[in-house]
């Protein structure tokens, strides 16, 4: 197993080191980055106190940055220079990543935090609220209904993501 700091998929780099990326990097990278993203989501969703742009929106925007980088690089390699081991590694992690990604807009605690943010007096203007709702328009308006909907949607996304990529 490759240590996280030796894994070229765990850190965002301007020049992507395609020549160093191997199929054996994919699983360990996702095993490192996915729990980190989950932890960041939990931090945002459970934070107390005043909601600020930096503490809410900026953190949310950066929530999956490293995981998205990793998966974008792997998807690119899978599309242009694939081989059986890379395809297998990609297919093994894709369902977990898809389930996590689809769970974000359906997270009831996160929805409540975004609502609190939008209700802060300093942010309660039509333009900002419009941008906020456009960015998260997939979030149902009733947080109580999210758990039921998210279970069904996550199941569908996970099933779809398990469909193997083809050569």
Foldseek 3Di string as FASTA:
>chain_A
DDDLVRQQLQDDDPDRPPVPHDLVSLVVNCVVLVVQLVVLLCCLLPDDDADDCVSQVVSVVCSCVSVVSSLVSLVVCCVPPDDVSSLVSNLVCQLVVQLVVLCRLLQLSSLVSLVSNCPDPVNVDDVNVVVSCVVSVVRDPDSVCSVVVSVVVSVVRSVVSNPGDDD
